Amino acid sequence: MSDAVITGEDGLARCSWAATDPEYRRYHDEEWGVEQRDPRALYEKLCLEGFQAGLSWITILRRRPAFREVFHNFEVTDVAAMQESDVERLLQDARIIRHRGKIEATIANARAVLALDESLTDLMWGFAPQPGILPRPKEWGDVPAVTVESTAMSKELRKRGFKFVGPTTMYALMQSTGMVDDHFVGCFRAS
């Protein structure tokens, strides 16, 4: 087994990034790579992945309850109705990432979702590669940061008014929502 997979105290081999922190372990074991098609949940992941840009995912996970609270549990119509006064209020809330561009992007993305002619689920999953197209990663160097599909998704979302949806962020979203399965070979979650 490579250093990309570590066997935990519970006897399960899992991706090493999830081995040391209980919240990471729970996220890895229960959420990451699980197929997600619920439009509200996809919108939440889209926004949280945008907030994660330049930060560690554990920072976002630990603040997710506050993000859910301040962004109305990521109910698109409620977030789309937020105004500049809400942005100013959130810039003072130390429980979340206080980045004006990312806060404004969350609101803009809700409005972009409402403007779609199709569901967010259909739009995003239309870019998922066919299962088995990408090889199962064995080592850290096998995991891409960007793919043709994540680049195409990014380009289309930007064209439709979405913000903080770069190709690397979209690949992270593809991983977290099960569009791709990047659990390392040997991990108990690898399909």
N, C-alpha and C. Protein backbone atom coordinates (compact mmCIF):
# COMPACT_ATOMS: atom_id res chain seq x y z
N MET A 1 0.85 -1.18 0.00
CA MET A 1 0.00 0.00 0.00
C MET A 1 0.89 1.25 0.00
N SER A 2 0.47 2.29 -0.69
CA SER A 2 1.26 3.51 -0.79
C SER A 2 0.99 4.43 0.39
N ASP A 3 1.72 5.55 0.46
CA ASP A 3 1.46 6.52 1.51
C ASP A 3 0.19 7.33 1.24
N ALA A 4 -0.44 7.09 0.10
CA ALA A 4 -1.70 7.75 -0.21
C ALA A 4 -2.86 7.11 0.54
N VAL A 5 -2.65 5.90 1.08
CA VAL A 5 -3.67 5.19 1.85
C VAL A 5 -3.07 4.81 3.20
N ILE A 6 -3.83 5.06 4.26
CA ILE A 6 -3.38 4.74 5.61
C ILE A 6 -4.46 3.91 6.30
N THR A 7 -4.05 2.88 7.01
CA THR A 7 -5.00 2.09 7.79
C THR A 7 -5.16 2.74 9.15
N GLY A 8 -6.40 3.06 9.49
CA GLY A 8 -6.70 3.75 10.73
C GLY A 8 -6.83 2.81 11.92
N GLU A 9 -7.04 3.39 13.08
CA GLU A 9 -7.23 2.62 14.31
C GLU A 9 -8.43 1.68 14.21
N ASP A 10 -9.38 2.03 13.35
CA ASP A 10 -10.57 1.20 13.16
C ASP A 10 -10.33 0.05 12.19
N GLY A 11 -9.10 -0.07 11.67
CA GLY A 11 -8.74 -1.14 10.76
C GLY A 11 -9.10 -0.89 9.31
N LEU A 12 -9.68 0.27 9.01
CA LEU A 12 -10.07 0.59 7.63
C LEU A 12 -8.96 1.37 6.93
N ALA A 13 -8.67 0.94 5.72
CA ALA A 13 -7.71 1.66 4.89
C ALA A 13 -8.46 2.78 4.20
N ARG A 14 -7.96 4.01 4.35
CA ARG A 14 -8.63 5.16 3.73
C ARG A 14 -7.60 6.12 3.17
N CYS A 15 -8.05 7.01 2.33
CA CYS A 15 -7.18 8.03 1.76
C CYS A 15 -6.48 8.77 2.90
N SER A 16 -5.17 8.95 2.77
CA SER A 16 -4.39 9.49 3.89
C SER A 16 -4.78 10.91 4.27
N TRP A 17 -5.33 11.68 3.35
CA TRP A 17 -5.73 13.04 3.71
C TRP A 17 -6.81 13.05 4.78
N ALA A 18 -7.51 11.94 4.93
CA ALA A 18 -8.61 11.86 5.90
C ALA A 18 -8.22 11.14 7.18
N ALA A 19 -6.98 10.78 7.33
CA ALA A 19 -6.59 9.88 8.42
C ALA A 19 -6.42 10.53 9.78
N THR A 20 -6.12 11.83 9.84
CA THR A 20 -5.72 12.39 11.12
C THR A 20 -6.78 13.22 11.83
N ASP A 21 -7.74 13.74 11.12
CA ASP A 21 -8.75 14.61 11.73
C ASP A 21 -10.11 13.93 11.73
N PRO A 22 -10.80 13.88 12.86
CA PRO A 22 -12.10 13.20 12.91
C PRO A 22 -13.14 13.76 11.94
N GLU A 23 -13.15 15.09 11.76
CA GLU A 23 -14.12 15.68 10.83
C GLU A 23 -13.78 15.31 9.39
N TYR A 24 -12.49 15.32 9.04
CA TYR A 24 -12.08 14.86 7.71
C TYR A 24 -12.47 13.40 7.51
N ARG A 25 -12.23 12.59 8.52
CA ARG A 25 -12.54 11.16 8.42
C ARG A 25 -14.04 10.95 8.18
N ARG A 26 -14.88 11.66 8.95
CA ARG A 26 -16.33 11.55 8.76
C ARG A 26 -16.71 12.00 7.35
N TYR A 27 -16.16 13.13 6.91
CA TYR A 27 -16.47 13.65 5.58
C TYR A 27 -16.04 12.65 4.50
N HIS A 28 -14.84 12.13 4.62
CA HIS A 28 -14.33 11.14 3.67
C HIS A 28 -15.21 9.90 3.64
N ASP A 29 -15.55 9.39 4.81
CA ASP A 29 -16.27 8.13 4.90
C ASP A 29 -17.74 8.25 4.50
N GLU A 30 -18.35 9.41 4.69
CA GLU A 30 -19.79 9.55 4.49
C GLU A 30 -20.21 10.43 3.32
N GLU A 31 -19.35 11.37 2.90
CA GLU A 31 -19.78 12.34 1.89
C GLU A 31 -18.93 12.39 0.63
N TRP A 32 -17.61 12.49 0.80
CA TRP A 32 -16.73 12.77 -0.33
C TRP A 32 -16.80 11.63 -1.35
N GLY A 33 -17.13 11.97 -2.57
CA GLY A 33 -17.20 10.98 -3.63
C GLY A 33 -18.54 10.27 -3.73
N VAL A 34 -19.48 10.64 -2.85
CA VAL A 34 -20.81 10.05 -2.90
C VAL A 34 -21.63 10.84 -3.92
N GLU A 35 -22.28 10.13 -4.82
CA GLU A 35 -23.05 10.79 -5.87
C GLU A 35 -24.10 11.71 -5.26
N GLN A 36 -24.04 12.97 -5.66
CA GLN A 36 -24.97 13.98 -5.16
C GLN A 36 -25.69 14.62 -6.34
N ARG A 37 -27.01 14.52 -6.35
CA ARG A 37 -27.79 15.10 -7.44
C ARG A 37 -28.85 16.08 -6.96
N ASP A 38 -28.96 16.25 -5.66
CA ASP A 38 -29.93 17.20 -5.12
C ASP A 38 -29.49 18.62 -5.47
N PRO A 39 -30.35 19.42 -6.13
CA PRO A 39 -29.92 20.74 -6.58
C PRO A 39 -29.52 21.68 -5.44
N ARG A 40 -30.19 21.63 -4.30
CA ARG A 40 -29.80 22.48 -3.18
C ARG A 40 -28.42 22.09 -2.67
N ALA A 41 -28.19 20.79 -2.53
CA ALA A 41 -26.89 20.30 -2.06
C ALA A 41 -25.78 20.63 -3.07
N LEU A 42 -26.08 20.55 -4.36
CA LEU A 42 -25.09 20.91 -5.38
C LEU A 42 -24.76 22.40 -5.32
N TYR A 43 -25.78 23.23 -5.13
CA TYR A 43 -25.54 24.66 -4.99
C TYR A 43 -24.67 24.93 -3.76
N GLU A 44 -24.97 24.27 -2.66
CA GLU A 44 -24.15 24.43 -1.45
C GLU A 44 -22.70 24.05 -1.73
N LYS A 45 -22.49 22.89 -2.35
CA LYS A 45 -21.11 22.46 -2.66
C LYS A 45 -20.42 23.45 -3.59
N LEU A 46 -21.13 23.94 -4.58
CA LEU A 46 -20.58 24.92 -5.51
C LEU A 46 -20.07 26.15 -4.74
N CYS A 47 -20.89 26.63 -3.83
CA CYS A 47 -20.52 27.82 -3.06
C CYS A 47 -19.37 27.52 -2.08
N LEU A 48 -19.46 26.41 -1.37
CA LEU A 48 -18.42 26.08 -0.40
C LEU A 48 -17.09 25.81 -1.09
N GLU A 49 -17.11 25.17 -2.24
CA GLU A 49 -15.86 24.97 -2.99
C GLU A 49 -15.27 26.32 -3.39
N GLY A 50 -16.11 27.28 -3.74
CA GLY A 50 -15.63 28.62 -4.04
C GLY A 50 -15.00 29.28 -2.82
N PHE A 51 -15.63 29.13 -1.66
CA PHE A 51 -15.05 29.67 -0.44
C PHE A 51 -13.73 29.00 -0.10
N GLN A 52 -13.57 27.75 -0.48
CA GLN A 52 -12.37 27.00 -0.17
C GLN A 52 -11.16 27.47 -0.97
N ALA A 53 -11.37 28.09 -2.10
CA ALA A 53 -10.26 28.50 -2.97
C ALA A 53 -9.19 29.24 -2.15
N GLY A 54 -7.99 28.69 -2.15
CA GLY A 54 -6.87 29.27 -1.43
C GLY A 54 -6.79 28.85 0.03
N LEU A 55 -7.72 28.04 0.48
CA LEU A 55 -7.76 27.60 1.88
C LEU A 55 -7.80 26.08 1.93
N SER A 56 -7.71 25.52 3.11
CA SER A 56 -7.86 24.07 3.26
C SER A 56 -9.33 23.73 3.40
N TRP A 57 -9.70 22.55 2.95
CA TRP A 57 -11.10 22.13 3.01
C TRP A 57 -11.55 21.97 4.46
N ILE A 58 -10.66 21.59 5.37
CA ILE A 58 -11.05 21.43 6.77
C ILE A 58 -11.53 22.76 7.35
N THR A 59 -10.96 23.86 6.89
CA THR A 59 -11.42 25.18 7.33
C THR A 59 -12.88 25.38 6.97
N ILE A 60 -13.24 24.97 5.78
CA ILE A 60 -14.63 25.10 5.31
C ILE A 60 -15.53 24.13 6.07
N LEU A 61 -15.10 22.89 6.23
CA LEU A 61 -15.92 21.92 6.95
C LEU A 61 -16.25 22.39 8.36
N ARG A 62 -15.27 22.94 9.04
CA ARG A 62 -15.49 23.38 10.42
C ARG A 62 -16.42 24.60 10.48
N ARG A 63 -16.50 25.34 9.40
CA ARG A 63 -17.37 26.53 9.37
C ARG A 63 -18.69 26.27 8.64
N ARG A 64 -18.86 25.07 8.14
CA ARG A 64 -20.06 24.77 7.35
C ARG A 64 -21.36 25.05 8.10
N PRO A 65 -21.48 24.71 9.39
CA PRO A 65 -22.74 25.05 10.07
C PRO A 65 -23.04 26.55 10.04
N ALA A 66 -22.03 27.38 10.22
CA ALA A 66 -22.23 28.83 10.16
C ALA A 66 -22.59 29.28 8.75
N PHE A 67 -21.90 28.71 7.74
CA PHE A 67 -22.25 29.03 6.35
C PHE A 67 -23.72 28.69 6.09
N ARG A 68 -24.15 27.53 6.55
CA ARG A 68 -25.54 27.14 6.34
C ARG A 68 -26.49 28.10 7.02
N GLU A 69 -26.13 28.54 8.21
CA GLU A 69 -26.98 29.48 8.93
C GLU A 69 -27.08 30.81 8.19
N VAL A 70 -25.96 31.42 7.85
CA VAL A 70 -25.99 32.76 7.28
C VAL A 70 -26.49 32.79 5.83
N PHE A 71 -26.38 31.66 5.13
CA PHE A 71 -26.87 31.59 3.76
C PHE A 71 -28.16 30.77 3.66
N HIS A 72 -28.99 30.84 4.70
CA HIS A 72 -30.35 30.28 4.66
C HIS A 72 -30.38 28.82 4.22
N ASN A 73 -29.44 28.04 4.76
CA ASN A 73 -29.32 26.62 4.41
C ASN A 73 -29.17 26.42 2.90
N PHE A 74 -28.61 27.41 2.25
CA PHE A 74 -28.36 27.39 0.81
C PHE A 74 -29.63 27.17 -0.01
N GLU A 75 -30.74 27.71 0.49
CA GLU A 75 -31.98 27.73 -0.30
C GLU A 75 -31.81 28.84 -1.33
N VAL A 76 -31.80 28.46 -2.59
CA VAL A 76 -31.43 29.37 -3.68
C VAL A 76 -32.27 30.65 -3.68
N THR A 77 -33.58 30.54 -3.55
CA THR A 77 -34.41 31.75 -3.62
C THR A 77 -34.12 32.70 -2.47
N ASP A 78 -33.85 32.17 -1.29
CA ASP A 78 -33.53 33.03 -0.14
C ASP A 78 -32.18 33.71 -0.32
N VAL A 79 -31.20 32.99 -0.82
CA VAL A 79 -29.87 33.58 -1.03
C VAL A 79 -29.94 34.62 -2.15
N ALA A 80 -30.66 34.32 -3.20
CA ALA A 80 -30.78 35.26 -4.32
C ALA A 80 -31.41 36.58 -3.89
N ALA A 81 -32.21 36.57 -2.84
CA ALA A 81 -32.86 37.79 -2.35
C ALA A 81 -31.96 38.62 -1.44
N MET A 82 -30.79 38.13 -1.11
CA MET A 82 -29.89 38.87 -0.22
C MET A 82 -29.41 40.14 -0.91
N GLN A 83 -29.17 41.17 -0.12
CA GLN A 83 -28.81 42.48 -0.62
C GLN A 83 -27.43 42.91 -0.11
N GLU A 84 -27.01 44.11 -0.51
CA GLU A 84 -25.72 44.66 -0.08
C GLU A 84 -25.63 44.74 1.45
N SER A 85 -26.73 45.05 2.11
CA SER A 85 -26.71 45.11 3.58
C SER A 85 -26.37 43.74 4.17
N ASP A 86 -26.81 42.68 3.51
CA ASP A 86 -26.46 41.33 3.97
C ASP A 86 -24.97 41.06 3.77
N VAL A 87 -24.44 41.51 2.66
CA VAL A 87 -23.00 41.36 2.39
C VAL A 87 -22.21 42.06 3.49
N GLU A 88 -22.59 43.29 3.80
CA GLU A 88 -21.89 44.06 4.83
C GLU A 88 -21.97 43.36 6.18
N ARG A 89 -23.13 42.82 6.52
CA ARG A 89 -23.29 42.08 7.77
C ARG A 89 -22.39 40.85 7.80
N LEU A 90 -22.35 40.11 6.70
CA LEU A 90 -21.55 38.88 6.65
C LEU A 90 -20.05 39.17 6.70
N LEU A 91 -19.65 40.32 6.21
CA LEU A 91 -18.24 40.69 6.27
C LEU A 91 -17.77 40.90 7.72
N GLN A 92 -18.71 41.03 8.64
CA GLN A 92 -18.38 41.19 10.06
C GLN A 92 -18.52 39.88 10.84
N ASP A 93 -18.96 38.81 10.19
CA ASP A 93 -19.24 37.54 10.88
C ASP A 93 -18.00 36.65 10.87
N ALA A 94 -17.32 36.57 11.99
CA ALA A 94 -16.07 35.81 12.10
C ALA A 94 -16.27 34.30 12.00
N ARG A 95 -17.50 33.85 11.99
CA ARG A 95 -17.75 32.40 11.90
C ARG A 95 -17.59 31.87 10.49
N ILE A 96 -17.57 32.76 9.50
CA ILE A 96 -17.43 32.34 8.10
C ILE A 96 -16.15 32.95 7.53
N ILE A 97 -15.89 32.68 6.26
CA ILE A 97 -14.77 33.30 5.55
C ILE A 97 -15.26 34.68 5.10
N ARG A 98 -14.63 35.73 5.61
CA ARG A 98 -15.09 37.10 5.35
C ARG A 98 -14.37 37.66 4.12
N HIS A 99 -14.78 37.19 2.98
CA HIS A 99 -14.18 37.60 1.71
C HIS A 99 -15.31 38.14 0.84
N ARG A 100 -15.28 39.44 0.59
CA ARG A 100 -16.38 40.08 -0.15
C ARG A 100 -16.68 39.37 -1.47
N GLY A 101 -15.65 39.09 -2.24
CA GLY A 101 -15.87 38.46 -3.54
C GLY A 101 -16.56 37.11 -3.43
N LYS A 102 -16.20 36.33 -2.43
CA LYS A 102 -16.80 35.01 -2.27
C LYS A 102 -18.23 35.11 -1.75
N ILE A 103 -18.48 36.06 -0.87
CA ILE A 103 -19.85 36.28 -0.38
C ILE A 103 -20.74 36.75 -1.53
N GLU A 104 -20.25 37.71 -2.29
CA GLU A 104 -21.03 38.21 -3.43
C GLU A 104 -21.22 37.12 -4.48
N ALA A 105 -20.23 36.26 -4.65
CA ALA A 105 -20.36 35.16 -5.61
C ALA A 105 -21.46 34.19 -5.18
N THR A 106 -21.58 33.94 -3.90
CA THR A 106 -22.63 33.04 -3.41
C THR A 106 -24.01 33.57 -3.78
N ILE A 107 -24.19 34.87 -3.63
CA ILE A 107 -25.46 35.50 -3.99
C ILE A 107 -25.64 35.50 -5.51
N ALA A 108 -24.59 35.87 -6.24
CA ALA A 108 -24.67 35.86 -7.71
C ALA A 108 -24.95 34.46 -8.24
N ASN A 109 -24.36 33.46 -7.61
CA ASN A 109 -24.58 32.08 -8.06
C ASN A 109 -26.02 31.64 -7.83
N ALA A 110 -26.62 32.09 -6.74
CA ALA A 110 -28.04 31.78 -6.52
C ALA A 110 -28.90 32.39 -7.62
N ARG A 111 -28.60 33.61 -7.97
CA ARG A 111 -29.35 34.28 -9.04
C ARG A 111 -29.11 33.59 -10.38
N ALA A 112 -27.89 33.11 -10.60
CA ALA A 112 -27.59 32.38 -11.84
C ALA A 112 -28.35 31.06 -11.88
N VAL A 113 -28.48 30.39 -10.74
CA VAL A 113 -29.26 29.15 -10.70
C VAL A 113 -30.70 29.43 -11.09
N LEU A 114 -31.27 30.50 -10.53
CA LEU A 114 -32.67 30.84 -10.84
C LEU A 114 -32.87 31.19 -12.31
N ALA A 115 -31.83 31.65 -12.97
CA ALA A 115 -31.93 32.04 -14.39
C ALA A 115 -31.77 30.86 -15.35
N LEU A 116 -31.40 29.69 -14.83
CA LEU A 116 -31.17 28.53 -15.70
C LEU A 116 -32.45 28.06 -16.37
N ASP A 117 -32.31 27.57 -17.60
CA ASP A 117 -33.43 26.96 -18.32
C ASP A 117 -33.55 25.48 -17.97
N GLU A 118 -32.56 24.96 -17.29
CA GLU A 118 -32.53 23.55 -16.91
C GLU A 118 -32.19 23.49 -15.43
N SER A 119 -32.23 22.31 -14.85
CA SER A 119 -31.87 22.20 -13.44
C SER A 119 -30.36 22.29 -13.28
N LEU A 120 -29.94 22.75 -12.12
CA LEU A 120 -28.51 22.79 -11.81
C LEU A 120 -27.93 21.39 -11.89
N THR A 121 -28.71 20.41 -11.46
CA THR A 121 -28.25 19.02 -11.50
C THR A 121 -27.95 18.59 -12.93
N ASP A 122 -28.88 18.83 -13.84
CA ASP A 122 -28.67 18.44 -15.24
C ASP A 122 -27.48 19.17 -15.85
N LEU A 123 -27.37 20.46 -15.54
CA LEU A 123 -26.26 21.24 -16.08
C LEU A 123 -24.93 20.68 -15.60
N MET A 124 -24.77 20.52 -14.30
CA MET A 124 -23.48 20.09 -13.76
C MET A 124 -23.15 18.65 -14.14
N TRP A 125 -24.12 17.77 -14.00
CA TRP A 125 -23.85 16.36 -14.29
C TRP A 125 -23.63 16.11 -15.78
N GLY A 126 -24.02 17.07 -16.60
CA GLY A 126 -23.74 16.95 -18.03
C GLY A 126 -22.25 16.99 -18.34
N PHE A 127 -21.44 17.43 -17.39
CA PHE A 127 -19.99 17.50 -17.57
C PHE A 127 -19.25 16.34 -16.90
N ALA A 128 -19.96 15.50 -16.20
CA ALA A 128 -19.30 14.38 -15.51
C ALA A 128 -18.75 13.40 -16.55
N PRO A 129 -17.50 12.98 -16.37
CA PRO A 129 -16.96 11.99 -17.30
C PRO A 129 -17.67 10.65 -17.12
N GLN A 130 -17.66 9.85 -18.15
CA GLN A 130 -18.24 8.52 -18.06
C GLN A 130 -17.49 7.72 -17.00
N PRO A 131 -18.19 6.94 -16.18
CA PRO A 131 -17.49 6.14 -15.17
C PRO A 131 -16.40 5.28 -15.81
N GLY A 132 -15.27 5.21 -15.13
CA GLY A 132 -14.17 4.39 -15.62
C GLY A 132 -13.26 5.07 -16.62
N ILE A 133 -13.60 6.30 -17.03
CA ILE A 133 -12.77 7.01 -18.00
C ILE A 133 -11.45 7.44 -17.33
N LEU A 134 -11.56 7.99 -16.14
CA LEU A 134 -10.36 8.41 -15.42
C LEU A 134 -9.80 7.23 -14.64
N PRO A 135 -8.50 7.01 -14.70
CA PRO A 135 -7.93 5.89 -13.95
C PRO A 135 -8.00 6.13 -12.45
N ARG A 136 -8.15 5.06 -11.70
CA ARG A 136 -8.17 5.15 -10.24
C ARG A 136 -6.79 5.57 -9.76
N PRO A 137 -6.69 6.66 -8.97
CA PRO A 137 -5.38 7.11 -8.51
C PRO A 137 -4.76 6.14 -7.50
N LYS A 138 -3.45 5.95 -7.64
CA LYS A 138 -2.71 5.10 -6.71
C LYS A 138 -1.81 5.93 -5.81
N GLU A 139 -1.35 7.05 -6.34
CA GLU A 139 -0.43 7.93 -5.62
C GLU A 139 -0.94 9.36 -5.75
N TRP A 140 -0.42 10.25 -4.92
CA TRP A 140 -0.82 11.65 -4.95
C TRP A 140 -0.65 12.27 -6.33
N GLY A 141 0.41 11.92 -7.02
CA GLY A 141 0.68 12.48 -8.34
C GLY A 141 -0.30 12.05 -9.41
N ASP A 142 -1.12 11.04 -9.11
CA ASP A 142 -2.11 10.56 -10.08
C ASP A 142 -3.39 11.39 -10.10
N VAL A 143 -3.58 12.22 -9.09
CA VAL A 143 -4.82 12.99 -8.98
C VAL A 143 -4.67 14.31 -9.72
N PRO A 144 -5.47 14.52 -10.76
CA PRO A 144 -5.35 15.78 -11.50
C PRO A 144 -5.94 16.94 -10.70
N ALA A 145 -5.51 18.14 -10.99
CA ALA A 145 -6.11 19.34 -10.41
C ALA A 145 -7.19 19.89 -11.32
N VAL A 146 -7.04 19.60 -12.62
CA VAL A 146 -7.93 20.11 -13.65
C VAL A 146 -8.09 19.02 -14.70
N THR A 147 -9.28 18.92 -15.28
CA THR A 147 -9.50 18.00 -16.39
C THR A 147 -10.20 18.75 -17.52
N VAL A 148 -10.29 18.09 -18.65
CA VAL A 148 -11.04 18.67 -19.77
C VAL A 148 -12.47 18.96 -19.34
N GLU A 149 -13.06 18.03 -18.58
CA GLU A 149 -14.45 18.18 -18.14
C GLU A 149 -14.61 19.34 -17.15
N SER A 150 -13.68 19.47 -16.20
CA SER A 150 -13.81 20.56 -15.22
C SER A 150 -13.58 21.91 -15.88
N THR A 151 -12.73 21.95 -16.89
CA THR A 151 -12.50 23.18 -17.64
C THR A 151 -13.75 23.56 -18.43
N ALA A 152 -14.38 22.58 -19.05
CA ALA A 152 -15.60 22.84 -19.81
C ALA A 152 -16.73 23.28 -18.89
N MET A 153 -16.85 22.64 -17.72
CA MET A 153 -17.88 23.03 -16.76
C MET A 153 -17.65 24.47 -16.31
N SER A 154 -16.41 24.80 -15.98
CA SER A 154 -16.07 26.15 -15.54
C SER A 154 -16.45 27.17 -16.59
N LYS A 155 -16.08 26.91 -17.82
CA LYS A 155 -16.36 27.84 -18.92
C LYS A 155 -17.87 28.06 -19.08
N GLU A 156 -18.63 26.98 -19.03
CA GLU A 156 -20.09 27.09 -19.21
C GLU A 156 -20.73 27.82 -18.04
N LEU A 157 -20.30 27.51 -16.83
CA LEU A 157 -20.89 28.19 -15.66
C LEU A 157 -20.56 29.68 -15.70
N ARG A 158 -19.34 30.02 -16.04
CA ARG A 158 -18.98 31.44 -16.14
C ARG A 158 -19.83 32.15 -17.19
N LYS A 159 -20.04 31.48 -18.31
CA LYS A 159 -20.87 32.05 -19.38
C LYS A 159 -22.28 32.34 -18.88
N ARG A 160 -22.73 31.54 -17.92
CA ARG A 160 -24.08 31.70 -17.37
C ARG A 160 -24.13 32.58 -16.12
N GLY A 161 -23.03 33.24 -15.81
CA GLY A 161 -23.02 34.21 -14.73
C GLY A 161 -22.54 33.72 -13.38
N PHE A 162 -22.05 32.49 -13.30
CA PHE A 162 -21.55 31.97 -12.03
C PHE A 162 -20.15 32.53 -11.75
N LYS A 163 -19.82 32.65 -10.47
CA LYS A 163 -18.55 33.22 -10.02
C LYS A 163 -17.81 32.21 -9.14
N PHE A 164 -16.47 32.37 -9.07
CA PHE A 164 -15.60 31.49 -8.29
C PHE A 164 -15.81 30.03 -8.70
N VAL A 165 -15.80 29.80 -10.00
CA VAL A 165 -16.02 28.47 -10.55
C VAL A 165 -14.90 28.10 -11.52
N GLY A 166 -13.67 28.34 -11.12
CA GLY A 166 -12.53 28.00 -11.97
C GLY A 166 -12.39 26.51 -12.17
N PRO A 167 -11.60 26.09 -13.14
CA PRO A 167 -11.45 24.66 -13.46
C PRO A 167 -10.97 23.80 -12.28
N THR A 168 -10.07 24.32 -11.46
CA THR A 168 -9.59 23.55 -10.31
C THR A 168 -10.71 23.41 -9.27
N THR A 169 -11.42 24.49 -9.02
CA THR A 169 -12.55 24.45 -8.09
C THR A 169 -13.62 23.49 -8.59
N MET A 170 -13.86 23.49 -9.90
CA MET A 170 -14.89 22.59 -10.44
C MET A 170 -14.44 21.13 -10.38
N TYR A 171 -13.13 20.89 -10.49
CA TYR A 171 -12.69 19.50 -10.34
C TYR A 171 -12.87 19.05 -8.89
N ALA A 172 -12.59 19.93 -7.94
CA ALA A 172 -12.83 19.59 -6.53
C ALA A 172 -14.31 19.30 -6.30
N LEU A 173 -15.17 20.08 -6.95
CA LEU A 173 -16.61 19.83 -6.84
C LEU A 173 -16.96 18.47 -7.44
N MET A 174 -16.37 18.14 -8.57
CA MET A 174 -16.63 16.83 -9.20
C MET A 174 -16.22 15.70 -8.26
N GLN A 175 -15.11 15.87 -7.56
CA GLN A 175 -14.68 14.86 -6.59
C GLN A 175 -15.66 14.76 -5.43
N SER A 176 -16.04 15.90 -4.88
CA SER A 176 -16.87 15.89 -3.67
C SER A 176 -18.29 15.42 -3.93
N THR A 177 -18.78 15.59 -5.16
CA THR A 177 -20.16 15.20 -5.47
C THR A 177 -20.27 13.87 -6.20
N GLY A 178 -19.16 13.14 -6.29
CA GLY A 178 -19.20 11.81 -6.89
C GLY A 178 -19.23 11.78 -8.40
N MET A 179 -18.99 12.91 -9.05
CA MET A 179 -18.91 12.89 -10.52
C MET A 179 -17.66 12.14 -10.96
N VAL A 180 -16.64 12.18 -10.13
CA VAL A 180 -15.45 11.35 -10.31
C VAL A 180 -15.17 10.68 -8.97
N ASP A 181 -14.51 9.55 -8.99
CA ASP A 181 -14.15 8.84 -7.77
C ASP A 181 -12.64 8.82 -7.65
N ASP A 182 -12.11 9.71 -6.84
CA ASP A 182 -10.67 9.80 -6.66
C ASP A 182 -10.20 9.21 -5.34
N HIS A 183 -11.01 8.31 -4.76
CA HIS A 183 -10.49 7.55 -3.62
C HIS A 183 -9.33 6.71 -4.14
N PHE A 184 -8.23 6.71 -3.41
CA PHE A 184 -7.05 5.98 -3.85
C PHE A 184 -7.28 4.47 -3.87
N VAL A 185 -6.57 3.79 -4.76
CA VAL A 185 -6.58 2.34 -4.80
C VAL A 185 -6.19 1.84 -3.40
N GLY A 186 -7.00 0.97 -2.85
CA GLY A 186 -6.75 0.44 -1.51
C GLY A 186 -7.65 1.06 -0.46
N CYS A 187 -8.24 2.23 -0.75
CA CYS A 187 -9.16 2.86 0.19
C CYS A 187 -10.47 2.06 0.21
N PHE A 188 -11.04 1.89 1.40
CA PHE A 188 -12.27 1.09 1.50
C PHE A 188 -13.43 1.74 0.78
N ARG A 189 -13.35 3.06 0.46
CA ARG A 189 -14.42 3.75 -0.25
C ARG A 189 -14.26 3.71 -1.76
N ALA A 190 -13.10 3.29 -2.26
CA ALA A 190 -12.89 3.25 -3.70
C ALA A 190 -13.85 2.25 -4.33
N SER A 191 -14.50 2.68 -5.40
CA SER A 191 -15.47 1.79 -6.05
C SER A 191 -14.77 0.83 -7.00
